Amino acid sequence: MPLNSAVLVRPILTEKSTALKEDTHQYLFEVDPKASKGEIAEVVQELFKVRVLAVRTLKIKGKVRRMGRFAGRRPDWKKAIVAIPKDQKIDFEKI
């Protein structure tokens, strides 16, 4: 996979992710399901100019949604939790 921002789909900005960012300096991203931890770390370091300490990933199963008697399914996706040093910060408004 090429080293570009296509690995990162979007940052996840929720109350839980904000608390995680403030308490433990970890940031959440939705990433490409085929991306490895190494690729995620490289892209975050290059894009945001920070040092990545650790990357943890989770595969999230899509929920089943109903519309009347018809059932559909949301797509599966992958989440990455990226830890950075306490003296560094990621600013999503610059990107």
N, C-alpha and C. Protein backbone atom coordinates (compact mmCIF):
# COMPACT_ATOMS: atom_id res chain seq x y z
N MET A 1 0.84 -1.17 0.00
CA MET A 1 0.00 0.00 0.00
C MET A 1 0.90 1.24 0.00
N PRO A 2 0.63 2.25 -0.84
CA PRO A 2 1.48 3.43 -0.90
C PRO A 2 1.37 4.28 0.36
N LEU A 3 2.43 4.98 0.66
CA LEU A 3 2.46 5.84 1.84
C LEU A 3 1.75 7.15 1.53
N ASN A 4 0.48 7.22 1.83
CA ASN A 4 -0.29 8.44 1.61
C ASN A 4 -1.43 8.50 2.61
N SER A 5 -2.22 9.54 2.53
CA SER A 5 -3.31 9.71 3.48
C SER A 5 -4.52 8.84 3.16
N ALA A 6 -4.46 7.98 2.11
CA ALA A 6 -5.57 7.08 1.83
C ALA A 6 -5.66 5.98 2.90
N VAL A 7 -4.58 5.80 3.65
CA VAL A 7 -4.61 4.84 4.75
C VAL A 7 -5.54 5.35 5.85
N LEU A 8 -5.48 6.66 6.15
CA LEU A 8 -6.37 7.26 7.14
C LEU A 8 -7.64 7.73 6.44
N VAL A 9 -8.77 7.21 6.88
CA VAL A 9 -10.05 7.62 6.28
C VAL A 9 -10.54 8.91 6.92
N ARG A 10 -10.58 8.92 8.28
CA ARG A 10 -11.04 10.11 8.99
C ARG A 10 -10.68 9.98 10.46
N PRO A 11 -10.55 11.10 11.16
CA PRO A 11 -10.40 11.02 12.62
C PRO A 11 -11.76 10.75 13.25
N ILE A 12 -11.77 10.07 14.36
CA ILE A 12 -13.01 9.80 15.08
C ILE A 12 -13.08 10.80 16.23
N LEU A 13 -14.05 11.71 16.16
CA LEU A 13 -14.19 12.78 17.14
C LEU A 13 -15.49 12.59 17.91
N THR A 14 -15.39 11.93 19.05
CA THR A 14 -16.54 11.70 19.92
C THR A 14 -16.15 12.11 21.33
N GLU A 15 -17.10 12.05 22.25
CA GLU A 15 -16.79 12.37 23.65
C GLU A 15 -15.76 11.40 24.20
N LYS A 16 -15.91 10.13 23.86
CA LYS A 16 -14.98 9.12 24.35
C LYS A 16 -13.58 9.34 23.79
N SER A 17 -13.47 9.66 22.51
CA SER A 17 -12.15 9.88 21.92
C SER A 17 -11.51 11.16 22.45
N THR A 18 -12.31 12.17 22.77
CA THR A 18 -11.77 13.40 23.34
C THR A 18 -11.22 13.15 24.74
N ALA A 19 -11.93 12.35 25.53
CA ALA A 19 -11.45 12.01 26.86
C ALA A 19 -10.16 11.19 26.77
N LEU A 20 -10.10 10.27 25.82
CA LEU A 20 -8.91 9.45 25.62
C LEU A 20 -7.72 10.33 25.22
N LYS A 21 -7.98 11.31 24.38
CA LYS A 21 -6.93 12.23 23.94
C LYS A 21 -6.40 13.05 25.11
N GLU A 22 -7.27 13.56 25.95
CA GLU A 22 -6.86 14.40 27.07
C GLU A 22 -6.17 13.61 28.18
N ASP A 23 -6.64 12.40 28.46
CA ASP A 23 -6.11 11.61 29.57
C ASP A 23 -4.82 10.86 29.21
N THR A 24 -4.80 10.21 28.05
CA THR A 24 -3.69 9.30 27.73
C THR A 24 -2.95 9.66 26.45
N HIS A 25 -3.27 10.78 25.82
CA HIS A 25 -2.61 11.24 24.59
C HIS A 25 -2.69 10.18 23.49
N GLN A 26 -3.89 9.62 23.31
CA GLN A 26 -4.15 8.67 22.24
C GLN A 26 -5.23 9.23 21.34
N TYR A 27 -5.06 9.03 20.04
CA TYR A 27 -5.99 9.56 19.04
C TYR A 27 -6.61 8.40 18.28
N LEU A 28 -7.89 8.56 17.90
CA LEU A 28 -8.61 7.51 17.19
C LEU A 28 -8.80 7.91 15.72
N PHE A 29 -8.61 6.93 14.83
CA PHE A 29 -8.79 7.15 13.40
C PHE A 29 -9.55 5.97 12.81
N GLU A 30 -10.39 6.24 11.82
CA GLU A 30 -10.90 5.18 10.97
C GLU A 30 -9.86 5.00 9.88
N VAL A 31 -9.45 3.76 9.65
CA VAL A 31 -8.38 3.49 8.69
C VAL A 31 -8.84 2.47 7.65
N ASP A 32 -8.04 2.35 6.59
CA ASP A 32 -8.30 1.36 5.56
C ASP A 32 -8.22 -0.04 6.18
N PRO A 33 -9.20 -0.91 5.91
CA PRO A 33 -9.20 -2.25 6.53
C PRO A 33 -7.96 -3.08 6.20
N LYS A 34 -7.26 -2.77 5.13
CA LYS A 34 -6.08 -3.54 4.74
C LYS A 34 -4.79 -2.95 5.29
N ALA A 35 -4.86 -1.81 5.97
CA ALA A 35 -3.66 -1.13 6.46
C ALA A 35 -3.08 -1.86 7.67
N SER A 36 -1.75 -1.93 7.72
CA SER A 36 -1.07 -2.55 8.86
C SER A 36 -0.73 -1.47 9.89
N LYS A 37 -0.32 -1.92 11.08
CA LYS A 37 0.05 -0.99 12.14
C LYS A 37 1.25 -0.14 11.73
N GLY A 38 2.20 -0.74 11.04
CA GLY A 38 3.37 0.00 10.58
C GLY A 38 3.02 1.09 9.58
N GLU A 39 2.15 0.76 8.65
CA GLU A 39 1.73 1.76 7.66
C GLU A 39 0.97 2.90 8.33
N ILE A 40 0.11 2.58 9.29
CA ILE A 40 -0.65 3.61 10.00
C ILE A 40 0.31 4.53 10.74
N ALA A 41 1.30 3.96 11.42
CA ALA A 41 2.27 4.76 12.16
C ALA A 41 3.06 5.68 11.23
N GLU A 42 3.51 5.16 10.09
CA GLU A 42 4.27 5.97 9.14
C GLU A 42 3.46 7.15 8.62
N VAL A 43 2.20 6.90 8.26
CA VAL A 43 1.36 7.95 7.71
C VAL A 43 1.07 9.02 8.75
N VAL A 44 0.78 8.63 9.99
CA VAL A 44 0.50 9.61 11.05
C VAL A 44 1.75 10.45 11.32
N GLN A 45 2.92 9.82 11.37
CA GLN A 45 4.16 10.56 11.62
C GLN A 45 4.44 11.55 10.50
N GLU A 46 4.23 11.14 9.27
CA GLU A 46 4.51 12.02 8.13
C GLU A 46 3.48 13.14 8.01
N LEU A 47 2.22 12.82 8.21
CA LEU A 47 1.14 13.78 7.99
C LEU A 47 1.07 14.82 9.11
N PHE A 48 1.21 14.39 10.37
CA PHE A 48 1.04 15.30 11.50
C PHE A 48 2.35 15.73 12.15
N LYS A 49 3.49 15.22 11.68
CA LYS A 49 4.81 15.58 12.21
C LYS A 49 4.91 15.31 13.71
N VAL A 50 4.49 14.11 14.13
CA VAL A 50 4.59 13.67 15.52
C VAL A 50 5.29 12.32 15.55
N ARG A 51 5.74 11.91 16.72
CA ARG A 51 6.37 10.60 16.90
C ARG A 51 5.31 9.66 17.46
N VAL A 52 5.12 8.53 16.81
CA VAL A 52 4.12 7.55 17.23
C VAL A 52 4.80 6.53 18.15
N LEU A 53 4.22 6.36 19.34
CA LEU A 53 4.75 5.40 20.30
C LEU A 53 4.17 4.01 20.09
N ALA A 54 2.86 3.93 19.81
CA ALA A 54 2.20 2.64 19.64
C ALA A 54 0.94 2.80 18.81
N VAL A 55 0.56 1.72 18.13
CA VAL A 55 -0.67 1.68 17.36
C VAL A 55 -1.41 0.40 17.73
N ARG A 56 -2.68 0.55 18.10
CA ARG A 56 -3.54 -0.60 18.34
C ARG A 56 -4.69 -0.53 17.34
N THR A 57 -5.13 -1.66 16.82
CA THR A 57 -6.19 -1.68 15.82
C THR A 57 -7.32 -2.60 16.26
N LEU A 58 -8.53 -2.28 15.79
CA LEU A 58 -9.72 -3.07 16.06
C LEU A 58 -10.52 -3.18 14.77
N LYS A 59 -11.05 -4.35 14.49
CA LYS A 59 -11.97 -4.51 13.37
C LYS A 59 -13.39 -4.44 13.92
N ILE A 60 -14.18 -3.52 13.40
CA ILE A 60 -15.54 -3.29 13.87
C ILE A 60 -16.50 -3.91 12.86
N LYS A 61 -17.37 -4.78 13.35
CA LYS A 61 -18.38 -5.40 12.48
C LYS A 61 -19.51 -4.42 12.24
N GLY A 62 -20.03 -4.39 11.00
CA GLY A 62 -21.13 -3.51 10.66
C GLY A 62 -22.43 -3.98 11.29
N LYS A 63 -23.24 -3.02 11.70
CA LYS A 63 -24.50 -3.35 12.35
C LYS A 63 -25.58 -3.71 11.32
N VAL A 64 -26.51 -4.54 11.74
CA VAL A 64 -27.66 -4.85 10.90
C VAL A 64 -28.70 -3.77 11.14
N ARG A 65 -29.19 -3.16 10.08
CA ARG A 65 -30.19 -2.10 10.16
C ARG A 65 -31.43 -2.54 9.38
N ARG A 66 -32.58 -2.17 9.91
CA ARG A 66 -33.84 -2.55 9.28
C ARG A 66 -34.59 -1.32 8.80
N MET A 67 -35.28 -1.49 7.69
CA MET A 67 -36.19 -0.48 7.18
C MET A 67 -37.48 -1.22 6.88
N GLY A 68 -38.39 -1.23 7.85
CA GLY A 68 -39.60 -2.02 7.70
C GLY A 68 -39.26 -3.49 7.81
N ARG A 69 -39.66 -4.26 6.82
CA ARG A 69 -39.36 -5.69 6.86
C ARG A 69 -38.05 -6.04 6.16
N PHE A 70 -37.39 -5.05 5.58
CA PHE A 70 -36.15 -5.29 4.86
C PHE A 70 -34.95 -5.02 5.77
N ALA A 71 -34.02 -5.93 5.75
CA ALA A 71 -32.82 -5.78 6.57
C ALA A 71 -31.63 -5.50 5.67
N GLY A 72 -30.79 -4.60 6.12
CA GLY A 72 -29.54 -4.30 5.43
C GLY A 72 -28.41 -4.36 6.43
N ARG A 73 -27.23 -4.08 5.96
CA ARG A 73 -26.07 -4.17 6.84
C ARG A 73 -25.11 -3.03 6.53
N ARG A 74 -24.62 -2.39 7.58
CA ARG A 74 -23.59 -1.38 7.40
C ARG A 74 -22.26 -2.08 7.14
N PRO A 75 -21.34 -1.43 6.47
CA PRO A 75 -20.07 -2.09 6.16
C PRO A 75 -19.18 -2.26 7.40
N ASP A 76 -18.33 -3.29 7.37
CA ASP A 76 -17.32 -3.48 8.40
C ASP A 76 -16.24 -2.41 8.20
N TRP A 77 -15.57 -2.02 9.30
CA TRP A 77 -14.51 -1.02 9.19
C TRP A 77 -13.45 -1.27 10.25
N LYS A 78 -12.34 -0.54 10.15
CA LYS A 78 -11.22 -0.74 11.04
C LYS A 78 -10.89 0.56 11.76
N LYS A 79 -10.64 0.46 13.08
CA LYS A 79 -10.32 1.61 13.91
C LYS A 79 -8.89 1.46 14.42
N ALA A 80 -8.15 2.57 14.47
CA ALA A 80 -6.79 2.57 14.99
C ALA A 80 -6.69 3.55 16.15
N ILE A 81 -6.03 3.11 17.23
CA ILE A 81 -5.76 3.96 18.37
C ILE A 81 -4.25 4.25 18.35
N VAL A 82 -3.89 5.52 18.16
CA VAL A 82 -2.50 5.92 17.98
C VAL A 82 -2.06 6.69 19.23
N ALA A 83 -0.99 6.21 19.87
CA ALA A 83 -0.43 6.87 21.06
C ALA A 83 0.77 7.71 20.65
N ILE A 84 0.82 8.94 21.19
CA ILE A 84 1.94 9.84 20.92
C ILE A 84 2.50 10.35 22.25
N PRO A 85 3.70 10.93 22.27
CA PRO A 85 4.27 11.45 23.52
C PRO A 85 3.44 12.60 24.09
N LYS A 86 3.57 12.82 25.40
CA LYS A 86 2.77 13.84 26.08
C LYS A 86 3.09 15.26 25.62
N ASP A 87 4.32 15.49 25.16
CA ASP A 87 4.70 16.84 24.75
C ASP A 87 4.30 17.19 23.32
N GLN A 88 3.71 16.24 22.59
CA GLN A 88 3.27 16.49 21.22
C GLN A 88 1.75 16.47 21.13
N LYS A 89 1.25 17.01 20.02
CA LYS A 89 -0.20 17.16 19.87
C LYS A 89 -0.56 17.07 18.39
N ILE A 90 -1.72 16.50 18.10
CA ILE A 90 -2.23 16.45 16.72
C ILE A 90 -3.36 17.46 16.62
N ASP A 91 -3.25 18.37 15.66
CA ASP A 91 -4.29 19.38 15.44
C ASP A 91 -5.01 19.03 14.14
N PHE A 92 -6.27 18.61 14.24
CA PHE A 92 -7.02 18.16 13.07
C PHE A 92 -7.48 19.33 12.20
N GLU A 93 -7.49 20.53 12.71
CA GLU A 93 -7.96 21.69 11.93
C GLU A 93 -6.93 22.15 10.91
N LYS A 94 -5.66 21.76 11.07
CA LYS A 94 -4.63 22.16 10.10
C LYS A 94 -4.71 21.36 8.83
N ILE A 95 -5.27 20.15 8.89
CA ILE A 95 -5.31 19.27 7.73
C ILE A 95 -6.57 19.53 6.93
